[in-house]
Amino acid sequence: MSNGSQKKFNGTPKARTRRSNVIVRLEKQLKAGTKSTTELGKIVLVPLTESDTNRINKELQTLKTRI
């Protein structure tokens, strides 16, 4: 990596399928406007914060370039 080349990403069919599934989940999460978290051992839906939304959008952009 020190020679300035870009990092290569796993391009196997399984990896591409996994990335596609993540894109679907993240887009669904943005549309719903909630995320799941655990409180006292129970899964609870919590509204997305502005930083959550920004992080998810950035992650979607990255994932879409890798499939």
C-alpha atoms as a PDB file:
ATOM      1  CA  MET A   1       0.000   0.000   0.000  1.00  0.00           C
ATOM      2  CA  SER A   2       2.904   2.348   0.535  1.00  0.00           C
ATOM      3  CA  ASN A   3       3.444   2.647  -3.222  1.00  0.00           C
ATOM      4  CA  GLY A   4       0.355   4.859  -3.577  1.00  0.00           C
ATOM      5  CA  SER A   5      -1.963   2.174  -4.946  1.00  0.00           C
ATOM      6  CA  GLN A   6      -5.577   2.141  -3.880  1.00  0.00           C
ATOM      7  CA  LYS A   7      -6.848  -0.485  -1.492  1.00  0.00           C
ATOM      8  CA  LYS A   8      -8.633  -3.346  -3.265  1.00  0.00           C
ATOM      9  CA  PHE A   9     -11.934  -4.573  -1.922  1.00  0.00           C
ATOM     10  CA  ASN A  10     -13.224  -8.095  -1.823  1.00  0.00           C
ATOM     11  CA  GLY A  11     -15.092  -8.612  -5.090  1.00  0.00           C
ATOM     12  CA  THR A  12     -16.390 -12.116  -4.526  1.00  0.00           C
ATOM     13  CA  PRO A  13     -20.086 -12.722  -5.182  1.00  0.00           C
ATOM     14  CA  LYS A  14     -20.690 -13.280  -1.471  1.00  0.00           C
ATOM     15  CA  ALA A  15     -19.092  -9.928  -0.581  1.00  0.00           C
ATOM     16  CA  ARG A  16     -21.099  -8.105  -3.259  1.00  0.00           C
ATOM     17  CA  THR A  17     -24.314  -9.699  -1.992  1.00  0.00           C
ATOM     18  CA  ARG A  18     -23.469  -8.669   1.563  1.00  0.00           C
ATOM     19  CA  ARG A  19     -22.855  -5.068   0.482  1.00  0.00           C
ATOM     20  CA  SER A  20     -26.116  -5.015  -1.476  1.00  0.00           C
ATOM     21  CA  ASN A  21     -27.994  -6.278   1.579  1.00  0.00           C
ATOM     22  CA  VAL A  22     -26.386  -3.591   3.732  1.00  0.00           C
ATOM     23  CA  ILE A  23     -27.467  -0.910   1.254  1.00  0.00           C
ATOM     24  CA  VAL A  24     -31.063  -2.150   1.441  1.00  0.00           C
ATOM     25  CA  ARG A  25     -30.997  -2.179   5.257  1.00  0.00           C
ATOM     26  CA  LEU A  26     -29.482   1.290   5.531  1.00  0.00           C
ATOM     27  CA  GLU A  27     -31.941   2.788   3.038  1.00  0.00           C
ATOM     28  CA  LYS A  28     -34.823   1.201   4.965  1.00  0.00           C
ATOM     29  CA  GLN A  29     -33.407   2.629   8.205  1.00  0.00           C
ATOM     30  CA  LEU A  30     -33.209   6.128   6.692  1.00  0.00           C
ATOM     31  CA  LYS A  31     -36.761   5.885   5.384  1.00  0.00           C
ATOM     32  CA  ALA A  32     -38.093   4.751   8.774  1.00  0.00           C
ATOM     33  CA  GLY A  33     -36.040   7.398  10.588  1.00  0.00           C
ATOM     34  CA  THR A  34     -35.237   5.035  13.470  1.00  0.00           C
ATOM     35  CA  LYS A  35     -32.448   2.752  14.610  1.00  0.00           C
ATOM     36  CA  SER A  36     -32.597  -0.181  16.971  1.00  0.00           C
ATOM     37  CA  THR A  37     -30.680  -0.251  20.227  1.00  0.00           C
ATOM     38  CA  THR A  38     -30.795  -2.339  23.376  1.00  0.00           C
ATOM     39  CA  GLU A  39     -31.920  -0.984  26.720  1.00  0.00           C
ATOM     40  CA  LEU A  40     -32.111  -3.274  29.731  1.00  0.00           C
ATOM     41  CA  GLY A  41     -31.856  -6.316  27.480  1.00  0.00           C
ATOM     42  CA  LYS A  42     -34.712  -5.265  25.189  1.00  0.00           C
ATOM     43  CA  ILE A  43     -34.483  -3.999  21.627  1.00  0.00           C
ATOM     44  CA  VAL A  44     -35.916  -0.478  21.349  1.00  0.00           C
ATOM     45  CA  LEU A  45     -36.355   1.769  18.298  1.00  0.00           C
ATOM     46  CA  VAL A  46     -34.793   5.211  18.721  1.00  0.00           C
ATOM     47  CA  PRO A  47     -35.095   8.180  16.316  1.00  0.00           C
ATOM     48  CA  LEU A  48     -32.050   8.837  14.128  1.00  0.00           C
ATOM     49  CA  THR A  49     -29.973  11.870  15.026  1.00  0.00           C
ATOM     50  CA  GLU A  50     -28.562  14.294  12.474  1.00  0.00           C
ATOM     51  CA  SER A  51     -25.131  12.675  12.821  1.00  0.00           C
ATOM     52  CA  ASP A  52     -26.663   9.199  12.310  1.00  0.00           C
ATOM     53  CA  THR A  53     -28.281  10.374   9.089  1.00  0.00           C
ATOM     54  CA  ASN A  54     -25.035  11.926   7.843  1.00  0.00           C
ATOM     55  CA  ARG A  55     -23.050   8.790   8.710  1.00  0.00           C
ATOM     56  CA  ILE A  56     -25.538   6.507   6.958  1.00  0.00           C
ATOM     57  CA  ASN A  57     -25.580   8.677   3.818  1.00  0.00           C
ATOM     58  CA  LYS A  58     -21.777   8.664   3.691  1.00  0.00           C
ATOM     59  CA  GLU A  59     -21.686   4.895   4.175  1.00  0.00           C
ATOM     60  CA  LEU A  60     -24.252   4.417   1.384  1.00  0.00           C
ATOM     61  CA  GLN A  61     -22.128   6.464  -1.006  1.00  0.00           C
ATOM     62  CA  THR A  62     -19.076   4.362  -0.174  1.00  0.00           C
ATOM     63  CA  LEU A  63     -20.903   1.047  -0.499  1.00  0.00           C
ATOM     64  CA  LYS A  64     -22.473   1.960  -3.829  1.00  0.00           C
ATOM     65  CA  THR A  65     -19.007   2.495  -5.325  1.00  0.00           C
ATOM     66  CA  ARG A  66     -17.881  -0.947  -4.124  1.00  0.00           C
ATOM     67  CA  ILE A  67     -20.576  -3.157  -5.623  1.00  0.00           C
END
